[in-house]
Protein backbone atom coordinates (compact mmCIF):
# COMPACT_ATOMS: atom_id res chain seq x y z
CA MET A 1 142.68 23.94 191.34
CA ALA A 2 145.66 22.54 191.83
CA ASP A 3 148.26 22.29 188.72
CA SER A 4 149.49 19.15 188.77
CA ARG A 5 147.43 16.24 186.70
CA ARG A 6 146.25 13.29 189.23
CA ASP A 7 145.36 10.21 188.62
CA PHE A 8 142.08 9.17 190.62
CA VAL A 9 140.45 5.47 190.93
CA PHE A 10 137.15 5.38 192.57
CA TRP A 11 135.62 2.53 193.45
CA PHE A 12 131.83 2.17 193.86
CA ASN A 13 128.65 -0.07 194.15
CA SER A 14 127.33 2.29 191.57
CA ALA A 15 128.06 5.41 189.57
CA SER A 16 126.62 7.10 192.53
CA PRO A 17 124.77 10.60 191.34
CA HIS A 18 125.96 11.68 195.03
CA GLN A 19 129.03 11.39 193.57
CA LEU A 20 129.17 11.73 190.44
CA PRO A 21 128.57 15.80 189.72
CA TYR A 22 132.12 16.72 191.90
CA MET A 23 133.92 13.36 190.05
CA ARG A 24 133.38 15.24 186.79
CA VAL A 25 134.62 18.02 187.44
CA LEU A 26 136.98 15.85 189.09
CA SER A 27 138.03 14.85 185.37
CA SER A 28 138.47 18.00 183.61
CA GLN A 29 141.79 18.60 184.73
CA HIS A 30 142.51 15.27 186.14
CA ALA A 31 142.85 10.96 185.04
CA VAL A 32 139.60 10.23 187.18
CA THR A 33 138.56 5.77 186.57
CA LEU A 34 135.04 5.30 187.69
CA ILE A 35 134.67 1.13 188.52
CA CYS A 36 131.19 -0.05 190.03
CA GLU A 37 129.67 -3.57 190.27
CA ALA A 38 126.71 -2.27 188.53
CA LEU A 39 125.70 1.65 186.49
CA VAL A 40 122.75 2.49 188.25
CA LYS A 41 120.41 0.68 190.61
CA PRO A 42 117.49 -0.93 188.52
CA ASN A 43 115.23 1.76 191.11
CA ARG A 44 117.25 4.70 190.32
CA LYS A 45 116.92 4.37 186.98
CA ALA A 46 112.96 3.77 187.01
CA LEU A 47 113.12 7.54 189.11
CA GLY A 48 115.15 9.35 186.03
CA TRP A 49 118.74 8.86 187.14
CA SER A 50 120.90 8.35 185.00
CA SER A 51 125.18 7.84 184.35
CA GLU A 52 125.00 9.99 180.79
CA ARG A 53 126.98 12.61 182.48
CA LEU A 54 130.41 10.84 182.97
CA GLY A 55 132.20 14.16 181.96
CA ASP A 56 135.92 12.89 181.03
CA CYS A 57 135.85 9.73 183.22
CA SER A 58 136.54 6.10 182.57
CA LEU A 59 133.91 3.41 183.05
CA VAL A 60 134.82 -0.49 183.79
CA VAL A 61 131.56 -1.75 185.48
CA ASP A 62 131.98 -5.12 186.61
CA PRO A 63 135.62 -6.30 186.45
CA GLY A 64 136.69 -10.10 186.59
CA LEU A 65 138.71 -10.82 189.83
CA ARG A 66 142.12 -10.27 187.04
CA GLU A 67 140.97 -7.29 185.97
CA ILE A 68 140.53 -5.93 189.81
CA GLY A 69 144.21 -7.15 190.52
CA THR A 70 145.02 -5.31 187.65
CA LEU A 71 143.38 -1.99 187.62
CA ALA A 72 144.72 -1.55 191.37
CA ASN A 73 148.12 -2.07 190.75
CA GLY A 74 148.04 -0.88 187.25
CA ALA A 75 149.11 2.80 187.57
CA LYS A 76 151.40 4.08 189.68
CA GLY A 77 151.19 6.95 191.62
CA ALA A 78 147.45 6.32 191.51
CA ILE A 79 144.69 7.82 194.01
CA HIS A 80 141.91 4.95 194.88
CA LEU A 81 138.74 5.50 197.24
CA LEU A 82 137.64 3.52 198.09
CA GLU A 83 133.50 2.75 199.51
CA GLY A 84 134.40 2.41 202.71
CA PHE A 85 136.51 -0.44 204.26
CA GLY A 86 134.43 -3.09 202.32
CA GLY A 87 131.03 -1.11 202.02
CA CYS A 88 130.68 -2.98 198.79
CA ASP A 89 131.71 -6.56 197.01
CA LEU A 90 133.90 -4.58 194.89
CA SER A 91 135.61 -2.41 197.71
CA ARG A 92 136.58 -5.75 199.22
CA SER A 93 138.07 -6.76 196.56
CA ALA A 94 139.68 -4.13 195.74
CA LEU A 95 140.93 -3.71 199.56
CA ARG A 96 142.56 -7.99 199.85
CA VAL A 97 144.71 -6.62 196.06
CA LEU A 98 145.75 -3.34 197.01
CA ARG A 99 149.52 -3.44 197.76
CA SER A 100 151.96 -0.86 198.93
CA PRO A 101 153.03 1.64 197.90
CA ALA A 102 149.27 2.10 196.16
CA ARG A 103 147.82 5.23 197.35
CA VAL A 104 144.69 4.45 199.06
CA GLY A 105 141.54 6.65 200.70
CA VAL A 106 137.67 5.53 201.80
CA ILE A 107 134.81 7.35 201.48
CA SER A 108 132.18 6.60 203.77
CA GLU A 109 128.87 7.38 206.10
CA SER A 110 128.72 6.55 209.67
CA GLY A 111 127.29 3.23 210.47
CA GLN A 112 124.17 2.94 211.73
CA ASP A 113 124.66 3.44 215.66
CA CYS A 114 122.17 2.38 217.86
CA GLY A 115 121.58 -0.25 219.85
CA LEU A 116 123.44 -4.08 220.14
CA ALA A 117 122.87 -3.90 216.28
CA GLY A 118 125.22 -0.89 216.75
CA LEU A 119 127.52 -1.90 219.17
CA LEU A 120 127.70 -4.42 216.69
CA ARG A 121 128.47 -2.76 213.81
CA ARG A 122 130.73 -0.34 215.31
CA CYS A 123 132.91 -3.75 216.63
CA LYS A 124 133.05 -4.87 212.81
CA SER A 125 134.16 -1.20 211.82
CA ALA A 126 136.70 -1.26 214.19
CA ILE A 127 137.94 -5.08 212.95
CA ARG A 128 138.23 -3.79 209.57
CA VAL A 129 139.60 -0.04 210.70
CA ARG A 130 142.20 -1.96 211.85
CA ARG A 131 143.10 -4.81 209.56
CA TYR A 132 144.21 -2.21 207.14
CA SER A 133 145.53 0.40 209.20
CA ASP A 134 148.95 0.44 207.26
CA LEU A 135 146.87 0.49 203.67
CA VAL A 136 144.78 3.12 204.44
CA GLU A 137 145.95 6.48 204.50
CA PHE A 138 142.14 9.19 204.65
CA VAL A 139 138.61 8.51 205.48
CA LEU A 140 136.50 11.08 203.30
CA ALA A 141 133.84 10.91 206.05
CA MET A 142 130.04 12.28 205.33
CA GLY A 143 129.17 15.08 208.42
CA SER A 144 129.30 15.26 211.85
CA ILE A 145 128.34 11.83 212.52
CA GLY A 146 130.85 10.08 209.80
CA GLU A 147 133.89 11.74 211.86
CA LYS A 148 132.85 10.30 214.86
CA TRP A 149 131.88 7.06 213.79
CA TYR A 150 135.69 6.82 212.14
CA ILE A 151 137.37 7.95 215.15
CA ARG A 152 135.48 5.70 217.43
CA SER A 153 136.66 2.85 215.44
CA GLY A 154 140.39 3.77 215.31
CA VAL A 155 141.55 5.95 212.74
CA SER A 156 143.36 8.73 213.86
CA GLN A 157 141.63 12.76 213.71
CA GLU A 158 144.26 13.63 211.76
CA ARG A 159 143.26 11.41 208.89
CA VAL A 160 139.29 11.62 209.17
CA PHE A 161 138.33 14.74 206.60
CA PRO A 162 134.67 15.34 206.93
CA PHE A 163 132.97 15.21 203.69
CA CYS A 164 129.46 15.21 201.79
CA TYR A 165 127.44 13.90 199.69
CA VAL A 166 126.96 16.11 196.25
CA VAL A 167 123.57 16.84 194.05
CA GLU A 168 123.58 18.70 190.73
CA PRO A 169 122.50 22.25 190.51
CA PRO A 170 118.79 22.91 189.80
CA MET A 171 118.26 22.71 185.97
CA GLN A 172 117.64 26.47 184.45
CA GLY A 173 114.62 26.01 182.63
CA GLY A 174 114.08 21.88 184.09
CA GLU A 175 112.11 23.65 186.99
CA VAL A 176 109.60 25.35 189.00
CA ASP A 177 112.14 27.66 190.86
CA ALA A 178 109.86 29.93 192.89
CA PRO A 179 109.09 31.02 196.75
CA GLY A 180 106.69 28.53 198.57
CA SER A 181 103.08 28.91 198.84
CA THR A 182 101.50 31.62 197.16
CA ASN A 183 97.74 31.79 198.88
CA GLY A 184 99.08 31.29 202.31
CA VAL A 185 99.35 27.98 202.82
CA TYR A 186 102.26 26.47 204.49
CA GLN A 187 103.66 24.13 202.52
CA VAL A 188 105.51 20.94 203.62
CA ALA A 189 107.58 18.55 202.64
CA TYR A 190 108.93 15.46 202.76
CA LEU A 191 110.62 13.29 199.54
CA GLY A 192 112.35 9.57 200.74
CA GLN A 193 111.39 6.01 201.15
CA MET A 194 108.32 5.06 203.30
CA VAL A 195 109.93 3.20 205.93
CA GLU A 196 110.45 3.17 209.75
CA ARG A 197 114.29 4.24 209.65
CA LYS A 198 113.49 7.47 207.64
CA GLY A 199 110.51 8.50 210.63
CA VAL A 200 108.04 9.29 208.66
CA ASP A 201 105.48 8.73 211.63
CA VAL A 202 107.63 10.67 213.24
CA LEU A 203 106.71 13.26 211.04
CA ILE A 204 102.92 12.99 210.93
CA ARG A 205 102.81 12.99 215.12
CA ALA A 206 104.57 15.62 215.20
CA LEU A 207 102.47 17.52 212.68
CA ALA A 208 98.90 16.33 214.26
CA ARG A 209 100.52 18.77 217.48
CA CYS A 210 101.18 21.69 215.66
CA ARG A 211 98.64 23.64 216.88
CA THR A 212 98.38 26.64 213.76
CA SER A 213 96.33 24.40 210.62
CA ASN A 214 97.90 26.21 208.29
CA TRP A 215 99.82 23.96 206.93
CA ARG A 216 99.89 21.26 203.83
CA ALA A 217 101.93 18.35 203.01
CA ASP A 218 102.97 16.60 200.54
CA PHE A 219 104.79 13.26 201.01
CA VAL A 220 106.51 11.84 197.86
CA GLY A 221 108.26 7.86 197.55
CA SER A 222 107.24 4.31 198.55
CA GLY A 223 108.08 1.71 200.38
CA VAL A 224 107.14 -0.91 203.00
CA GLY A 225 105.40 1.34 205.11
CA GLU A 226 103.23 3.44 202.92
CA GLU A 227 99.98 2.05 203.80
CA ASN A 228 101.25 2.12 207.28
CA PHE A 229 102.04 5.67 207.60
CA GLN A 230 98.50 6.78 204.96
CA ALA A 231 96.41 5.08 207.84
CA LEU A 232 98.08 6.85 210.67
CA SER A 233 97.83 10.00 208.58
CA LYS A 234 93.60 9.51 208.81
CA MET A 235 94.28 8.28 212.12
CA CYS A 236 95.77 11.24 213.43
CA GLY A 237 92.62 13.59 211.30
CA LEU A 238 95.38 14.90 208.61
CA ALA A 239 94.39 12.83 205.99
CA ASP A 240 92.61 15.92 204.25
CA ARG A 241 96.01 17.87 204.79
CA ILE A 242 98.75 15.37 203.95
CA THR A 243 98.56 14.29 200.31
CA PHE A 244 100.69 10.99 199.34
CA HIS A 245 102.46 10.86 195.93
CA PRO A 246 104.59 7.88 195.12
CA ALA A 247 107.46 7.57 194.00
CA LEU A 248 108.32 10.78 191.28
CA MET A 249 110.59 10.98 188.13
CA ASN A 250 113.81 12.97 189.84
CA ARG A 251 112.64 16.04 187.92
CA VAL A 252 109.22 16.16 188.79
CA ALA A 253 109.73 16.08 192.20
CA MET A 254 112.43 18.51 192.49
CA THR A 255 109.39 20.89 190.85
CA LEU A 256 107.97 19.39 194.08
CA LEU A 257 110.48 20.58 196.12
CA SER A 258 111.15 23.89 194.69
CA ARG A 259 107.76 24.82 195.48
CA ALA A 260 107.84 24.17 198.97
CA ASP A 261 109.02 26.63 202.10
CA LEU A 262 109.97 23.67 204.66
CA LEU A 263 111.68 19.89 203.17
CA VAL A 264 112.00 17.63 206.33
CA LEU A 265 113.81 14.78 206.94
CA PRO A 266 113.05 12.91 210.37
CA SER A 267 114.89 9.94 209.68
CA ARG A 268 115.75 8.12 212.71
CA TRP A 269 119.76 7.36 211.09
CA ASP A 270 120.36 9.30 207.73
CA GLY A 271 124.74 8.48 206.18
CA TRP A 272 123.64 11.45 204.65
CA GLY A 273 120.88 12.60 202.94
CA ALA A 274 121.41 14.33 199.82
CA VAL A 275 117.58 16.15 199.60
CA VAL A 276 118.70 18.62 202.23
CA ASN A 277 121.42 19.25 199.21
CA GLU A 278 118.54 19.85 197.16
CA ALA A 279 116.16 21.63 198.91
CA LEU A 280 118.94 24.08 199.95
CA MET A 281 120.33 24.46 196.58
CA ARG A 282 116.75 25.85 195.56
CA GLY A 283 116.60 28.28 198.69
CA VAL A 284 114.57 25.91 200.25
CA PRO A 285 115.15 25.24 204.74
CA VAL A 286 115.28 22.56 206.06
CA ILE A 287 114.57 20.61 209.19
CA CYS A 288 116.29 17.20 209.94
CA THR A 289 117.64 14.72 213.01
CA SER A 290 120.94 15.10 214.83
CA ASN A 291 121.26 11.47 213.12
CA CYS A 292 121.28 12.63 209.43
CA GLY A 293 124.80 13.32 208.60
CA ALA A 294 123.42 16.25 206.36
CA SER A 295 122.47 17.75 210.03
CA ASP A 296 126.11 19.09 209.53
CA LEU A 297 124.64 21.50 206.54
CA LEU A 298 122.10 23.15 208.91
CA ARG A 299 124.47 25.77 210.80
CA HIS A 300 122.57 28.91 210.83
CA PRO A 301 119.84 28.82 211.57
CA TRP A 302 117.48 30.31 208.94
CA LEU A 303 119.18 27.62 206.67
CA GLY A 304 116.85 25.08 208.92
CA SER A 305 116.98 23.20 212.93
CA VAL A 306 118.18 19.96 213.83
CA VAL A 307 115.86 18.16 216.23
CA PRO A 308 116.82 14.54 218.52
CA ALA A 309 116.40 11.65 215.93
CA GLY A 310 112.50 10.32 216.83
CA SER A 311 111.56 13.24 219.10
CA VAL A 312 108.02 14.37 218.63
CA GLY A 313 107.64 16.87 220.87
CA ALA A 314 111.15 18.33 219.48
CA LEU A 315 109.73 17.92 215.88
CA ALA A 316 106.31 20.13 216.78
CA ASP A 317 108.47 22.69 218.10
CA ALA A 318 110.52 22.98 214.75
CA LEU A 319 106.98 22.53 212.88
CA GLU A 320 105.37 25.48 214.98
CA GLN A 321 108.02 27.70 214.72
CA TRP A 322 108.84 27.22 210.88
CA ILE A 323 105.03 27.09 210.06
CA SER A 324 104.30 30.58 212.48
CA ARG A 325 106.39 32.35 210.36
CA GLY A 326 104.17 32.31 206.88
CA PRO A 327 105.58 31.47 203.75
CA ARG A 328 109.13 31.71 203.01
CA ALA A 329 109.83 34.73 201.41
CA GLU A 330 111.79 35.15 197.86
CA SER A 331 115.07 37.21 200.14
CA GLU A 332 115.21 33.93 202.20
CA SER A 333 115.44 31.83 199.21
CA VAL A 334 118.01 34.08 197.91
CA ARG A 335 119.53 33.96 200.79
CA ILE A 336 119.85 29.82 200.95
CA GLN A 337 121.29 29.26 197.72
CA ALA A 338 123.87 31.86 197.82
CA TRP A 339 124.72 30.11 200.76
CA SER A 340 124.46 26.62 198.47
CA GLN A 341 127.37 27.19 196.58
CA CYS A 342 129.45 25.84 199.40
CA ILE A 343 128.40 22.54 198.23
CA HIS A 344 128.19 23.18 194.56
CA PRO A 345 130.35 20.11 192.75
CA ARG A 346 133.55 22.62 191.62
CA VAL A 347 133.50 23.57 195.20
CA VAL A 348 133.44 20.19 196.74
CA ALA A 349 136.18 19.42 193.83
CA ASP A 350 138.34 21.88 194.62
CA TYR A 351 138.02 21.00 198.59
CA PHE A 352 138.78 17.19 197.40
CA LEU A 353 141.88 18.33 195.61
CA LYS A 354 143.27 20.71 198.72
CA ILE A 355 142.52 17.42 200.85
CA MET A 356 144.98 15.25 198.20
CA GLY A 357 147.11 18.19 198.58
CA HIS A 358 147.58 17.87 202.42
CA VAL A 359 147.67 14.13 202.93
CA TYR A 360 150.43 13.67 199.75
CA ASP A 361 152.10 17.33 199.35
CA GLY A 362 152.02 18.34 202.84
CA GLY A 363 149.83 21.82 202.25
CA PRO A 364 148.12 22.81 204.66
CA ARG A 365 144.44 21.49 206.23
CA PRO A 366 142.27 22.46 204.30
CA GLU A 367 138.81 24.89 205.89
CA VAL A 368 135.68 22.76 205.28
CA PRO A 369 133.49 25.17 202.81
CA TRP A 370 129.95 24.34 204.29
CA ARG A 371 131.82 25.27 208.20
CA ALA A 372 133.25 28.34 206.87
């Protein structure tokens, strides 16, 4: 990492477990301040997420308007990272009070880009980009879909940098970290909300089309569609092969994931999908859709497959190919885990600093670690 000490101020909705890992690495050598509306959202806290691993980050929670102004324009030379172009109340407030020569960047997912609602989101995004174009100097966009979104919204391609969410590496001794099924039955896993946007219905219908029956699936999560998805699995004749689990404590869910042969994230749209990181870091291959930001990670066929969102047939074909290979071998897991070092918090932190060096010091544009 660069030796010169920098001052970073992050303006987020909450202390996201998918941002803190690399921020904690940054804080070991740089001044890092996290300003958030709430420390941990209640639904995440219930699942065992915590903000205890802040490292040397300074923390400000729910600042008032006067304090926002002080924090925004206090430290000279600080680089401010905002959650989108007004992605939350706090970043909107910061955008209103930040003044040149403040250094300002945005970290953001793509907007949900489909239908009339998607068109309206694109228009709204373009308006915000134009409004703050003189203030925001760079965008860290989540995956290829985030890049395309912000370039189409009017941000210069030179100012858009691919970025990713980051998760904690597997806990040594805290999880069962072993290849999947030991009884020859292929284990499929889905971890996420039980809502229509996540495409759980597409996954159920795709599994029903698989010609082989040598598989079992664990669906983990809760949401408004839970009962409908369970009913659909029965209607498709899969009630004895799909086990629905309620939302589990993170440590338990990660143990279940580490035992799977394949993770499937069939989202109709997902700004990123951090469970993809979690699977790859445990040596588990992934199928996800092209509408997931994390599809950017699946650039080698041995890491997984990317299918069109909403396509039952394409997902069924991909599932058939993976299931026909049989349970994953230890050598496959080792290869995937070795590759996943490129999305380790320390690597992403180093990439982040190289972007800052490019933007503010004229350094070379850095190579994206997971695309190398």
